[in-house]
C-alpha atoms as a PDB file:
ATOM      1  CA  MET A   1      36.740-113.992 -39.719  1.00  0.00           C
ATOM      2  CA  LYS A   2      35.974-110.676 -38.213  1.00  0.00           C
ATOM      3  CA  ALA A   3      32.545-110.875 -38.735  1.00  0.00           C
ATOM      4  CA  GLY A   4      32.201-114.577 -36.807  1.00  0.00           C
ATOM      5  CA  ARG A   5      34.246-112.856 -34.093  1.00  0.00           C
ATOM      6  CA  LYS A   6      31.922-110.061 -33.607  1.00  0.00           C
ATOM      7  CA  LEU A   7      28.658-112.357 -34.189  1.00  0.00           C
ATOM      8  CA  ASP A   8      30.048-114.696 -31.470  1.00  0.00           C
ATOM      9  CA  GLY A   9      30.784-111.756 -28.933  1.00  0.00           C
ATOM     10  CA  ASN A  10      26.975-110.378 -29.826  1.00  0.00           C
ATOM     11  CA  SER A  11      25.966-114.119 -29.457  1.00  0.00           C
ATOM     12  CA  PHE A  12      27.651-114.660 -26.218  1.00  0.00           C
ATOM     13  CA  LEU A  13      25.763-111.508 -24.358  1.00  0.00           C
ATOM     14  CA  LEU A  14      22.260-112.003 -25.691  1.00  0.00           C
ATOM     15  CA  MET A  15      22.552-116.438 -24.186  1.00  0.00           C
ATOM     16  CA  LEU A  16      24.366-114.205 -20.987  1.00  0.00           C
ATOM     17  CA  THR A  17      20.988-112.651 -20.724  1.00  0.00           C
ATOM     18  CA  ILE A  18      18.466-115.507 -21.643  1.00  0.00           C
ATOM     19  CA  GLY A  19      20.513-117.935 -19.338  1.00  0.00           C
ATOM     20  CA  LEU A  20      20.225-115.654 -16.375  1.00  0.00           C
ATOM     21  CA  PHE A  21      16.367-115.149 -16.817  1.00  0.00           C
ATOM     22  CA  PHE A  22      16.271-119.017 -16.775  1.00  0.00           C
ATOM     23  CA  VAL A  23      18.245-118.949 -13.741  1.00  0.00           C
ATOM     24  CA  MET A  24      16.603-116.515 -11.808  1.00  0.00           C
ATOM     25  CA  TYR A  25      13.100-118.198 -12.925  1.00  0.00           C
ATOM     26  CA  ILE A  26      14.155-121.752 -11.712  1.00  0.00           C
ATOM     27  CA  ALA A  27      15.180-120.261  -8.412  1.00  0.00           C
ATOM     28  CA  GLY A  28      12.190-118.702  -8.140  1.00  0.00           C
ATOM     29  CA  ILE A  29      10.440-121.834  -8.713  1.00  0.00           C
ATOM     30  CA  ILE A  30      12.811-123.566  -5.765  1.00  0.00           C
ATOM     31  CA  LEU A  31      12.552-120.971  -3.246  1.00  0.00           C
ATOM     32  CA  PHE A  32       8.808-120.222  -3.899  1.00  0.00           C
ATOM     33  CA  LYS A  33       7.225-123.708  -4.900  1.00  0.00           C
ATOM     34  CA  ASP A  34       4.972-123.600  -2.054  1.00  0.00           C
ATOM     35  CA  GLN A  35       3.565-120.375  -2.850  1.00  0.00           C
ATOM     36  CA  GLY A  36       2.736-121.508  -6.750  1.00  0.00           C
ATOM     37  CA  PHE A  37       5.324-119.750  -8.488  1.00  0.00           C
ATOM     38  CA  ALA A  38       5.601-122.854 -11.028  1.00  0.00           C
ATOM     39  CA  LYS A  39       1.953-121.963 -12.303  1.00  0.00           C
ATOM     40  CA  THR A  40       1.877-121.250 -15.686  1.00  0.00           C
ATOM     41  CA  GLN A  41      -0.342-118.050 -14.677  1.00  0.00           C
ATOM     42  CA  ASN A  42       2.358-116.773 -12.795  1.00  0.00           C
ATOM     43  CA  PHE A  43       4.832-117.016 -15.755  1.00  0.00           C
ATOM     44  CA  LEU A  44       2.320-115.016 -18.053  1.00  0.00           C
ATOM     45  CA  ASN A  45       1.710-112.266 -15.702  1.00  0.00           C
ATOM     46  CA  LEU A  46       5.231-111.570 -16.271  1.00  0.00           C
ATOM     47  CA  PHE A  47       4.120-110.501 -19.870  1.00  0.00           C
ATOM     48  CA  ILE A  48       0.624-109.413 -18.981  1.00  0.00           C
ATOM     49  CA  SER A  49       2.105-106.806 -16.487  1.00  0.00           C
ATOM     50  CA  ASN A  50       5.162-105.541 -18.843  1.00  0.00           C
ATOM     51  CA  ALA A  51       3.564-105.691 -22.317  1.00  0.00           C
ATOM     52  CA  GLY A  52       3.409-102.184 -22.521  1.00  0.00           C
ATOM     53  CA  LEU A  53       7.620-102.002 -21.594  1.00  0.00           C
ATOM     54  CA  ILE A  54       7.966-104.501 -24.480  1.00  0.00           C
ATOM     55  CA  VAL A  55       7.006-102.607 -26.842  1.00  0.00           C
ATOM     56  CA  ILE A  56       8.641 -99.249 -25.551  1.00  0.00           C
ATOM     57  CA  ALA A  57      12.039-101.434 -25.062  1.00  0.00           C
ATOM     58  CA  THR A  58      11.413-102.231 -28.647  1.00  0.00           C
ATOM     59  CA  GLY A  59      11.652 -98.873 -29.959  1.00  0.00           C
ATOM     60  CA  MET A  60      14.445 -98.026 -27.862  1.00  0.00           C
ATOM     61  CA  THR A  61      16.460-100.733 -29.052  1.00  0.00           C
ATOM     62  CA  ILE A  62      15.996 -99.733 -32.689  1.00  0.00           C
ATOM     63  CA  VAL A  63      16.772 -95.829 -31.520  1.00  0.00           C
ATOM     64  CA  MET A  64      20.254 -97.223 -29.418  1.00  0.00           C
ATOM     65  CA  ILE A  65      21.244 -99.314 -32.492  1.00  0.00           C
ATOM     66  CA  THR A  66      21.535 -96.277 -34.458  1.00  0.00           C
ATOM     67  CA  GLY A  67      23.843 -94.746 -31.438  1.00  0.00           C
ATOM     68  CA  GLY A  68      20.902 -92.330 -30.336  1.00  0.00           C
ATOM     69  CA  ILE A  69      19.052 -92.593 -27.073  1.00  0.00           C
ATOM     70  CA  ASP A  70      15.108 -91.387 -25.932  1.00  0.00           C
ATOM     71  CA  ILE A  71      14.367 -90.703 -22.504  1.00  0.00           C
ATOM     72  CA  SER A  72      11.436 -89.183 -22.939  1.00  0.00           C
ATOM     73  CA  VAL A  73       9.301 -92.455 -23.084  1.00  0.00           C
ATOM     74  CA  GLY A  74       7.998 -92.356 -19.568  1.00  0.00           C
ATOM     75  CA  SER A  75       7.155 -88.840 -19.655  1.00  0.00           C
ATOM     76  CA  VAL A  76       5.260 -89.786 -23.278  1.00  0.00           C
ATOM     77  CA  VAL A  77       3.635 -92.672 -21.609  1.00  0.00           C
ATOM     78  CA  ALA A  78       2.040 -90.474 -18.992  1.00  0.00           C
ATOM     79  CA  MET A  79       0.966 -88.502 -21.421  1.00  0.00           C
ATOM     80  CA  ILE A  80      -0.515 -90.592 -23.672  1.00  0.00           C
ATOM     81  CA  CYS A  81      -2.453 -92.015 -20.808  1.00  0.00           C
ATOM     82  CA  MET A  82      -3.656 -88.850 -19.320  1.00  0.00           C
ATOM     83  CA  LEU A  83      -4.983 -87.913 -23.253  1.00  0.00           C
ATOM     84  CA  LEU A  84      -6.775 -90.927 -23.642  1.00  0.00           C
ATOM     85  CA  ALA A  85      -8.477 -90.967 -19.843  1.00  0.00           C
ATOM     86  CA  TRP A  86      -9.458 -87.195 -20.618  1.00  0.00           C
ATOM     87  CA  MET A  87     -10.548 -87.518 -24.248  1.00  0.00           C
ATOM     88  CA  MET A  88     -12.781 -90.644 -23.049  1.00  0.00           C
ATOM     89  CA  GLN A  89     -13.755 -89.139 -19.941  1.00  0.00           C
ATOM     90  CA  ASN A  90     -13.834 -85.522 -20.097  1.00  0.00           C
ATOM     91  CA  LYS A  91     -14.920 -85.046 -23.741  1.00  0.00           C
ATOM     92  CA  GLY A  92     -16.693 -88.546 -24.514  1.00  0.00           C
ATOM     93  CA  ILE A  93     -14.665 -88.944 -28.062  1.00  0.00           C
ATOM     94  CA  GLY A  94     -15.068 -92.753 -28.567  1.00  0.00           C
ATOM     95  CA  ALA A  95     -11.961 -95.483 -27.535  1.00  0.00           C
ATOM     96  CA  ILE A  96     -11.372 -96.140 -31.285  1.00  0.00           C
ATOM     97  CA  PRO A  97     -10.936 -92.229 -31.992  1.00  0.00           C
ATOM     98  CA  ALA A  98      -8.976 -91.473 -28.521  1.00  0.00           C
ATOM     99  CA  VAL A  99      -6.281 -94.490 -29.651  1.00  0.00           C
ATOM    100  CA  LEU A 100      -5.851 -93.300 -33.374  1.00  0.00           C
ATOM    101  CA  ILE A 101      -5.106 -90.210 -31.873  1.00  0.00           C
ATOM    102  CA  ALA A 102      -2.632 -90.985 -29.424  1.00  0.00           C
ATOM    103  CA  LEU A 103      -0.681 -92.865 -31.794  1.00  0.00           C
ATOM    104  CA  GLY A 104      -0.853 -89.664 -34.194  1.00  0.00           C
ATOM    105  CA  VAL A 105       0.623 -87.870 -30.831  1.00  0.00           C
ATOM    106  CA  GLY A 106       3.296 -90.385 -30.842  1.00  0.00           C
ATOM    107  CA  VAL A 107       4.674 -90.279 -34.558  1.00  0.00           C
ATOM    108  CA  VAL A 108       4.176 -86.097 -34.219  1.00  0.00           C
ATOM    109  CA  PHE A 109       6.351 -86.477 -31.240  1.00  0.00           C
ATOM    110  CA  GLY A 110       8.853 -88.835 -32.497  1.00  0.00           C
ATOM    111  CA  PHE A 111       8.796 -86.667 -35.836  1.00  0.00           C
ATOM    112  CA  VAL A 112      10.153 -83.851 -33.768  1.00  0.00           C
ATOM    113  CA  GLN A 113      12.523 -85.373 -31.770  1.00  0.00           C
ATOM    114  CA  GLY A 114      13.964 -87.131 -34.897  1.00  0.00           C
ATOM    115  CA  TYR A 115      14.321 -84.080 -37.288  1.00  0.00           C
ATOM    116  CA  LEU A 116      16.167 -82.545 -34.617  1.00  0.00           C
ATOM    117  CA  VAL A 117      18.415 -85.396 -34.215  1.00  0.00           C
ATOM    118  CA  ALA A 118      19.151 -86.099 -37.803  1.00  0.00           C
ATOM    119  CA  TYR A 119      18.521 -82.479 -40.005  1.00  0.00           C
ATOM    120  CA  LEU A 120      19.993 -80.102 -37.047  1.00  0.00           C
ATOM    121  CA  LYS A 121      22.645 -82.816 -35.448  1.00  0.00           C
ATOM    122  CA  ILE A 122      21.373 -81.738 -32.055  1.00  0.00           C
ATOM    123  CA  GLN A 123      22.500 -84.832 -29.343  1.00  0.00           C
ATOM    124  CA  PRO A 124      19.654 -87.381 -28.733  1.00  0.00           C
ATOM    125  CA  PHE A 125      20.359 -86.992 -25.050  1.00  0.00           C
ATOM    126  CA  ILE A 126      19.864 -83.269 -25.260  1.00  0.00           C
ATOM    127  CA  VAL A 127      16.880 -83.697 -27.656  1.00  0.00           C
ATOM    128  CA  THR A 128      14.875 -86.066 -25.721  1.00  0.00           C
ATOM    129  CA  LEU A 129      15.830 -84.539 -22.172  1.00  0.00           C
ATOM    130  CA  ALA A 130      13.688 -81.435 -23.710  1.00  0.00           C
ATOM    131  CA  GLY A 131      11.194 -84.148 -24.839  1.00  0.00           C
ATOM    132  CA  MET A 132      10.576 -85.346 -21.148  1.00  0.00           C
ATOM    133  CA  PHE A 133      10.360 -82.487 -19.515  1.00  0.00           C
ATOM    134  CA  PHE A 134       7.629 -81.141 -22.101  1.00  0.00           C
ATOM    135  CA  ALA A 135       5.767 -84.308 -22.340  1.00  0.00           C
ATOM    136  CA  ARG A 136       5.162 -84.566 -18.568  1.00  0.00           C
ATOM    137  CA  GLY A 137       4.628 -80.948 -18.459  1.00  0.00           C
ATOM    138  CA  MET A 138       1.816 -81.419 -21.197  1.00  0.00           C
ATOM    139  CA  THR A 139       0.458 -84.246 -18.988  1.00  0.00           C
ATOM    140  CA  ALA A 140       0.121 -81.839 -15.890  1.00  0.00           C
ATOM    141  CA  ILE A 141      -1.653 -79.240 -18.612  1.00  0.00           C
ATOM    142  CA  ILE A 142      -3.708 -81.717 -20.282  1.00  0.00           C
ATOM    143  CA  SER A 143      -5.047 -82.196 -16.189  1.00  0.00           C
ATOM    144  CA  ARG A 144      -3.561 -82.099 -12.906  1.00  0.00           C
ATOM    145  CA  ASP A 145      -5.924 -84.683 -11.500  1.00  0.00           C
ATOM    146  CA  MET A 146      -6.202 -88.628 -12.126  1.00  0.00           C
ATOM    147  CA  ILE A 147      -8.893 -89.187 -14.352  1.00  0.00           C
ATOM    148  CA  SER A 148     -10.032 -92.944 -14.456  1.00  0.00           C
ATOM    149  CA  ILE A 149     -11.360 -94.703 -17.748  1.00  0.00           C
ATOM    150  CA  GLU A 150     -14.784 -95.665 -17.774  1.00  0.00           C
ATOM    151  CA  ASN A 151     -15.651 -95.772 -21.593  1.00  0.00           C
ATOM    152  CA  PRO A 152     -17.339 -99.428 -21.814  1.00  0.00           C
ATOM    153  CA  THR A 153     -15.678 -99.890 -25.070  1.00  0.00           C
ATOM    154  CA  PHE A 154     -11.689 -99.127 -23.635  1.00  0.00           C
ATOM    155  CA  LEU A 155     -12.818-101.568 -20.687  1.00  0.00           C
ATOM    156  CA  SER A 156     -14.020-104.609 -22.573  1.00  0.00           C
ATOM    157  CA  TRP A 157     -10.828-104.045 -24.648  1.00  0.00           C
ATOM    158  CA  ALA A 158      -8.714-104.337 -21.108  1.00  0.00           C
ATOM    159  CA  LYS A 159     -10.780-106.984 -19.375  1.00  0.00           C
ATOM    160  CA  PHE A 160     -10.821-109.217 -22.430  1.00  0.00           C
ATOM    161  CA  LYS A 161      -9.533-112.391 -21.332  1.00  0.00           C
ATOM    162  CA  ILE A 162      -7.804-115.066 -23.850  1.00  0.00           C
ATOM    163  CA  TYR A 163      -7.299-118.596 -22.370  1.00  0.00           C
ATOM    164  CA  LEU A 164      -4.926-121.149 -22.808  1.00  0.00           C
ATOM    165  CA  PRO A 165      -5.662-124.798 -23.562  1.00  0.00           C
ATOM    166  CA  PHE A 166      -2.593-125.989 -21.586  1.00  0.00           C
ATOM    167  CA  GLY A 167      -1.263-125.380 -17.895  1.00  0.00           C
ATOM    168  CA  GLY A 168      -4.678-125.314 -16.441  1.00  0.00           C
ATOM    169  CA  TYR A 169      -5.026-126.339 -12.511  1.00  0.00           C
ATOM    170  CA  VAL A 170      -7.857-127.844 -10.198  1.00  0.00           C
ATOM    171  CA  ASN A 171      -8.857-125.507  -7.639  1.00  0.00           C
ATOM    172  CA  LYS A 172     -10.198-126.562  -4.284  1.00  0.00           C
ATOM    173  CA  LYS A 173     -13.788-126.712  -5.509  1.00  0.00           C
ATOM    174  CA  GLY A 174     -12.774-129.146  -8.059  1.00  0.00           C
ATOM    175  CA  VAL A 175     -12.821-126.278 -11.016  1.00  0.00           C
ATOM    176  CA  MET A 176     -10.713-126.438 -13.543  1.00  0.00           C
ATOM    177  CA  ILE A 177      -8.759-123.202 -13.988  1.00  0.00           C
ATOM    178  CA  TYR A 178      -7.008-122.381 -17.209  1.00  0.00           C
ATOM    179  CA  PRO A 179      -4.299-119.906 -17.595  1.00  0.00           C
ATOM    180  CA  TYR A 180      -5.150-116.672 -19.388  1.00  0.00           C
ATOM    181  CA  ILE A 181      -3.298-113.550 -21.414  1.00  0.00           C
ATOM    182  CA  TYR A 182      -4.739-110.628 -22.226  1.00  0.00           C
ATOM    183  CA  PRO A 183      -4.773-108.895 -26.086  1.00  0.00           C
ATOM    184  CA  THR A 184      -2.206-106.490 -24.963  1.00  0.00           C
ATOM    185  CA  VAL A 185       0.488-109.319 -24.450  1.00  0.00           C
ATOM    186  CA  VAL A 186      -0.607-110.781 -28.010  1.00  0.00           C
ATOM    187  CA  ILE A 187       0.129-107.130 -29.613  1.00  0.00           C
ATOM    188  CA  ALA A 188       3.261-106.827 -27.404  1.00  0.00           C
ATOM    189  CA  LEU A 189       4.525-110.091 -29.243  1.00  0.00           C
ATOM    190  CA  VAL A 190       3.357-109.327 -32.634  1.00  0.00           C
ATOM    191  CA  VAL A 191       4.972-105.921 -32.676  1.00  0.00           C
ATOM    192  CA  LEU A 192       8.535-107.925 -31.203  1.00  0.00           C
ATOM    193  CA  ILE A 193       8.357-110.145 -34.183  1.00  0.00           C
ATOM    194  CA  LEU A 194       7.750-107.611 -36.387  1.00  0.00           C
ATOM    195  CA  ALA A 195      10.830-105.443 -35.144  1.00  0.00           C
ATOM    196  CA  PHE A 196      12.742-108.398 -35.368  1.00  0.00           C
ATOM    197  CA  VAL A 197      12.123-109.217 -38.746  1.00  0.00           C
ATOM    198  CA  MET A 198      12.485-105.632 -39.796  1.00  0.00           C
ATOM    199  CA  LEU A 199      15.603-105.363 -38.434  1.00  0.00           C
ATOM    200  CA  LYS A 200      16.960-108.484 -39.604  1.00  0.00           C
ATOM    201  CA  TYR A 201      15.697-108.792 -43.207  1.00  0.00           C
ATOM    202  CA  THR A 202      15.087-105.141 -44.199  1.00  0.00           C
ATOM    203  CA  LYS A 203      17.075-102.575 -46.123  1.00  0.00           C
ATOM    204  CA  PHE A 204      15.963-100.381 -43.834  1.00  0.00           C
ATOM    205  CA  GLY A 205      17.148-102.292 -40.726  1.00  0.00           C
ATOM    206  CA  ARG A 206      20.285-103.287 -42.336  1.00  0.00           C
ATOM    207  CA  SER A 207      20.826 -99.388 -42.542  1.00  0.00           C
ATOM    208  CA  ILE A 208      19.899 -99.323 -38.916  1.00  0.00           C
ATOM    209  CA  TYR A 209      22.954-101.538 -37.893  1.00  0.00           C
ATOM    210  CA  ALA A 210      25.438 -99.584 -40.309  1.00  0.00           C
ATOM    211  CA  ILE A 211      24.891 -96.070 -38.891  1.00  0.00           C
ATOM    212  CA  GLY A 212      25.096 -97.077 -35.569  1.00  0.00           C
ATOM    213  CA  GLY A 213      28.272 -99.112 -36.150  1.00  0.00           C
ATOM    214  CA  ASN A 214      30.013 -96.177 -38.211  1.00  0.00           C
ATOM    215  CA  GLU A 215      28.136 -93.515 -39.440  1.00  0.00           C
ATOM    216  CA  GLN A 216      30.727 -92.263 -41.761  1.00  0.00           C
ATOM    217  CA  SER A 217      31.110 -95.624 -43.385  1.00  0.00           C
ATOM    218  CA  ALA A 218      27.257 -95.515 -44.022  1.00  0.00           C
ATOM    219  CA  LEU A 219      27.350 -92.217 -45.830  1.00  0.00           C
ATOM    220  CA  LEU A 220      30.364 -93.439 -47.726  1.00  0.00           C
ATOM    221  CA  MET A 221      27.793 -96.109 -48.570  1.00  0.00           C
ATOM    222  CA  GLY A 222      24.996 -94.096 -49.719  1.00  0.00           C
ATOM    223  CA  LEU A 223      22.701 -94.270 -47.193  1.00  0.00           C
ATOM    224  CA  ASP A 224      20.672 -91.787 -46.717  1.00  0.00           C
ATOM    225  CA  VAL A 225      21.563 -91.216 -42.588  1.00  0.00           C
ATOM    226  CA  LYS A 226      19.488 -88.581 -41.911  1.00  0.00           C
ATOM    227  CA  LYS A 227      16.253 -90.192 -43.412  1.00  0.00           C
ATOM    228  CA  VAL A 228      17.112 -93.290 -41.629  1.00  0.00           C
ATOM    229  CA  LYS A 229      17.709 -91.279 -38.156  1.00  0.00           C
ATOM    230  CA  LEU A 230      14.651 -89.744 -38.871  1.00  0.00           C
ATOM    231  CA  LYS A 231      12.500 -92.605 -39.400  1.00  0.00           C
ATOM    232  CA  ALA A 232      14.082 -94.755 -36.801  1.00  0.00           C
ATOM    233  CA  TYR A 233      12.738 -91.934 -34.348  1.00  0.00           C
ATOM    234  CA  ILE A 234       9.299 -92.009 -35.901  1.00  0.00           C
ATOM    235  CA  LEU A 235       8.797 -95.788 -35.307  1.00  0.00           C
ATOM    236  CA  ASP A 236       9.799 -95.103 -31.720  1.00  0.00           C
ATOM    237  CA  GLY A 237       7.595 -92.342 -31.429  1.00  0.00           C
ATOM    238  CA  PHE A 238       5.277 -94.805 -32.792  1.00  0.00           C
ATOM    239  CA  LEU A 239       5.861 -97.876 -30.392  1.00  0.00           C
ATOM    240  CA  CYS A 240       6.372 -95.221 -27.149  1.00  0.00           C
ATOM    241  CA  SER A 241       2.409 -94.048 -28.203  1.00  0.00           C
ATOM    242  CA  LEU A 242       1.431 -97.666 -28.638  1.00  0.00           C
ATOM    243  CA  GLY A 243       3.240 -99.066 -25.463  1.00  0.00           C
ATOM    244  CA  GLY A 244       1.676 -96.224 -23.369  1.00  0.00           C
ATOM    245  CA  ILE A 245      -1.774 -97.506 -24.908  1.00  0.00           C
ATOM    246  CA  LEU A 246      -0.969-100.817 -23.771  1.00  0.00           C
ATOM    247  CA  PHE A 247       0.137 -99.362 -20.409  1.00  0.00           C
ATOM    248  CA  CYS A 248      -3.098 -97.304 -19.949  1.00  0.00           C
ATOM    249  CA  LEU A 249      -5.239-100.797 -20.743  1.00  0.00           C
ATOM    250  CA  ASN A 250      -3.252-102.089 -17.318  1.00  0.00           C
ATOM    251  CA  THR A 251      -3.796 -99.197 -15.060  1.00  0.00           C
ATOM    252  CA  LEU A 252      -7.206 -97.435 -17.172  1.00  0.00           C
ATOM    253  CA  GLY A 253      -6.277 -93.947 -15.964  1.00  0.00           C
ATOM    254  CA  GLY A 254      -4.009 -91.059 -16.232  1.00  0.00           C
ATOM    255  CA  PHE A 255      -2.319 -88.682 -13.738  1.00  0.00           C
ATOM    256  CA  VAL A 256       0.669 -86.591 -13.586  1.00  0.00           C
ATOM    257  CA  GLU A 257       3.280 -88.667 -11.941  1.00  0.00           C
ATOM    258  CA  GLN A 258       2.597 -91.901 -14.194  1.00  0.00           C
ATOM    259  CA  ALA A 259       5.338 -94.169 -15.677  1.00  0.00           C
ATOM    260  CA  LYS A 260       7.913 -92.422 -13.825  1.00  0.00           C
ATOM    261  CA  GLY A 261      11.171 -93.922 -14.411  1.00  0.00           C
ATOM    262  CA  PHE A 262       9.850 -95.747 -17.334  1.00  0.00           C
ATOM    263  CA  GLU A 263      12.510 -94.942 -19.546  1.00  0.00           C
ATOM    264  CA  MET A 264      15.359 -96.216 -17.464  1.00  0.00           C
ATOM    265  CA  ASP A 265      13.428 -99.509 -17.053  1.00  0.00           C
ATOM    266  CA  ALA A 266      13.288 -99.372 -20.982  1.00  0.00           C
ATOM    267  CA  ILE A 267      16.816 -98.434 -21.269  1.00  0.00           C
ATOM    268  CA  ALA A 268      17.929-101.246 -18.301  1.00  0.00           C
ATOM    269  CA  SER A 269      16.217-103.628 -20.713  1.00  0.00           C
ATOM    270  CA  ALA A 270      17.605-103.187 -23.832  1.00  0.00           C
ATOM    271  CA  VAL A 271      21.663-103.074 -22.350  1.00  0.00           C
ATOM    272  CA  ILE A 272      20.980-106.509 -20.144  1.00  0.00           C
ATOM    273  CA  GLY A 273      19.693-107.823 -23.449  1.00  0.00           C
ATOM    274  CA  GLY A 274      22.733-106.926 -25.290  1.00  0.00           C
ATOM    275  CA  THR A 275      22.528-103.368 -27.208  1.00  0.00           C
ATOM    276  CA  LEU A 276      25.262-101.506 -26.901  1.00  0.00           C
ATOM    277  CA  LEU A 277      24.776 -97.954 -25.686  1.00  0.00           C
ATOM    278  CA  THR A 278      27.611 -97.057 -28.530  1.00  0.00           C
ATOM    279  CA  GLY A 279      25.070 -98.281 -31.018  1.00  0.00           C
ATOM    280  CA  GLY A 280      25.330-100.879 -34.194  1.00  0.00           C
ATOM    281  CA  VAL A 281      24.788-103.846 -32.053  1.00  0.00           C
ATOM    282  CA  GLY A 282      21.295-104.688 -30.455  1.00  0.00           C
ATOM    283  CA  ASN A 283      18.520-107.343 -30.604  1.00  0.00           C
ATOM    284  CA  VAL A 284      15.164-106.529 -29.332  1.00  0.00           C
ATOM    285  CA  ILE A 285      14.847-110.521 -28.269  1.00  0.00           C
ATOM    286  CA  GLY A 286      17.389-109.614 -25.987  1.00  0.00           C
ATOM    287  CA  SER A 287      15.617-106.856 -24.563  1.00  0.00           C
ATOM    288  CA  LEU A 288      12.553-108.957 -24.228  1.00  0.00           C
ATOM    289  CA  PHE A 289      14.687-110.743 -21.861  1.00  0.00           C
ATOM    290  CA  GLY A 290      15.736-108.207 -20.294  1.00  0.00           C
ATOM    291  CA  VAL A 291      12.337-106.638 -19.863  1.00  0.00           C
ATOM    292  CA  LEU A 292      11.142-110.446 -18.231  1.00  0.00           C
ATOM    293  CA  ILE A 293      14.151-110.402 -15.819  1.00  0.00           C
ATOM    294  CA  LYS A 294      13.108-107.001 -14.590  1.00  0.00           C
ATOM    295  CA  ALA A 295       9.295-108.792 -13.860  1.00  0.00           C
ATOM    296  CA  THR A 296      11.082-111.680 -12.629  1.00  0.00           C
ATOM    297  CA  ILE A 297      12.715-109.519  -9.770  1.00  0.00           C
ATOM    298  CA  GLU A 298       9.375-107.826  -9.137  1.00  0.00           C
ATOM    299  CA  ALA A 299       8.148-111.423  -8.733  1.00  0.00           C
ATOM    300  CA  PHE A 300      10.722-112.243  -6.102  1.00  0.00           C
ATOM    301  CA  ILE A 301       9.976-109.382  -4.166  1.00  0.00           C
ATOM    302  CA  THR A 302       6.137-110.078  -4.647  1.00  0.00           C
ATOM    303  CA  PHE A 303       6.281-113.596  -3.058  1.00  0.00           C
ATOM    304  CA  GLN A 304       9.128-113.000  -0.477  1.00  0.00           C
ATOM    305  CA  GLY A 305       6.552-110.457   1.045  1.00  0.00           C
ATOM    306  CA  THR A 306       8.815-108.374   3.322  1.00  0.00           C
ATOM    307  CA  LEU A 307      11.430-106.671   0.820  1.00  0.00           C
ATOM    308  CA  SER A 308      10.851-103.065  -0.313  1.00  0.00           C
ATOM    309  CA  SER A 309       9.878-102.591  -3.762  1.00  0.00           C
ATOM    310  CA  TRP A 310      13.087-100.613  -4.263  1.00  0.00           C
ATOM    311  CA  TRP A 311      15.218-103.148  -4.363  1.00  0.00           C
ATOM    312  CA  VAL A 312      14.362-103.822  -7.901  1.00  0.00           C
ATOM    313  CA  ARG A 313      15.966-100.882  -8.740  1.00  0.00           C
ATOM    314  CA  ILE A 314      19.245-101.768  -6.671  1.00  0.00           C
ATOM    315  CA  THR A 315      19.149-105.344  -8.510  1.00  0.00           C
ATOM    316  CA  ILE A 316      18.548-103.700 -12.051  1.00  0.00           C
ATOM    317  CA  ALA A 317      21.089-101.073 -11.213  1.00  0.00           C
ATOM    318  CA  ALA A 318      23.634-103.780 -10.446  1.00  0.00           C
ATOM    319  CA  LEU A 319      22.837-106.119 -13.790  1.00  0.00           C
ATOM    320  CA  LEU A 320      23.091-102.776 -15.635  1.00  0.00           C
ATOM    321  CA  CYS A 321      26.593-101.909 -14.442  1.00  0.00           C
ATOM    322  CA  PHE A 322      27.485-105.980 -14.724  1.00  0.00           C
ATOM    323  CA  PHE A 323      26.615-105.934 -18.307  1.00  0.00           C
ATOM    324  CA  ILE A 324      28.132-102.380 -19.193  1.00  0.00           C
ATOM    325  CA  VAL A 325      31.306-103.346 -17.710  1.00  0.00           C
ATOM    326  CA  LEU A 326      31.227-106.773 -20.151  1.00  0.00           C
ATOM    327  CA  GLN A 327      30.130-104.112 -23.262  1.00  0.00           C
ATOM    328  CA  SER A 328      33.449-102.419 -22.294  1.00  0.00           C
ATOM    329  CA  ILE A 329      35.422-105.599 -22.485  1.00  0.00           C
ATOM    330  CA  PHE A 330      34.343-107.026 -25.343  1.00  0.00           C
ATOM    331  CA  ALA A 331      34.900-103.123 -27.641  1.00  0.00           C
ATOM    332  CA  ALA A 332      38.500-103.285 -25.681  1.00  0.00           C
ATOM    333  CA  LEU A 333      39.019-106.918 -27.353  1.00  0.00           C
ATOM    334  CA  LYS A 334      37.453-105.735 -30.701  1.00  0.00           C
ATOM    335  CA  LYS A 335      39.568-102.812 -30.641  1.00  0.00           C
ATOM    336  CA  LYS A 336      42.524-104.847 -29.972  1.00  0.00           C
ATOM    337  CA  LYS A 337      42.108-107.457 -32.790  1.00  0.00           C
END
């Protein structure tokens, strides 16, 4: 019975997030119908511009379910982008080796942070704060100047369009224009689905929830808490580097101040999506809709034309406070029962 009530509470947060996204998007269609907000391509652009954030928010969700957090992701994204640009432009390394090296860096970074959290029992906030400073500093060490990527292979990946056989329209010249996505979107959605399946149907996924729900109980159940936490942070590091690569495919360059505040976007997306800050509860599908809500707010600002981009931050902050208050209410009700 208690499990049923818990499921209902968690489902409510998820349904609220999904419902909020659709309400906002429908409002956008009504408000900006003359500017083409309802076009299929505009909807797909929400995914195109946020493919990297979707992957990073997925990794953040996994870590937060364990009861941890990772505030280094924005700096790691900047480091990955700068590393890719430096390797390809300054050292002449091919696109594929550069990407593999970048993924390896992310795994190592996740391993170090995971070891400090899991085995040395240092607070995740402190560990990832140090990671944030280290990664941002390493970005400047690699290069203080902006580096643009001109590698032909990498550019071909970035510009490759996958056209969809629906949602097209005839332009003023009488030509049928079909909507498109980039491979970055496909990769992001595949990662999201794999993470969802892993969390829901595998022993590792169930262990993550068990540890986040009650670490002492997980120990009594015979779970290797340290090993599971370490794996969660390694996976987070890998997804952060992969998200950085997808982000770089959008920006095609690296610079020191890149992706500043990205960690807050990832955390906000996860919390708005129903992931509890205390751990034990979360869903990557909810995090996806958290990202889409942020992207929709950005689209509102763009279509409106006169509002400052800082309104995105203000609105996200308000939504974050709202969902944190809701989480606190559910936690209090659960404790009372």
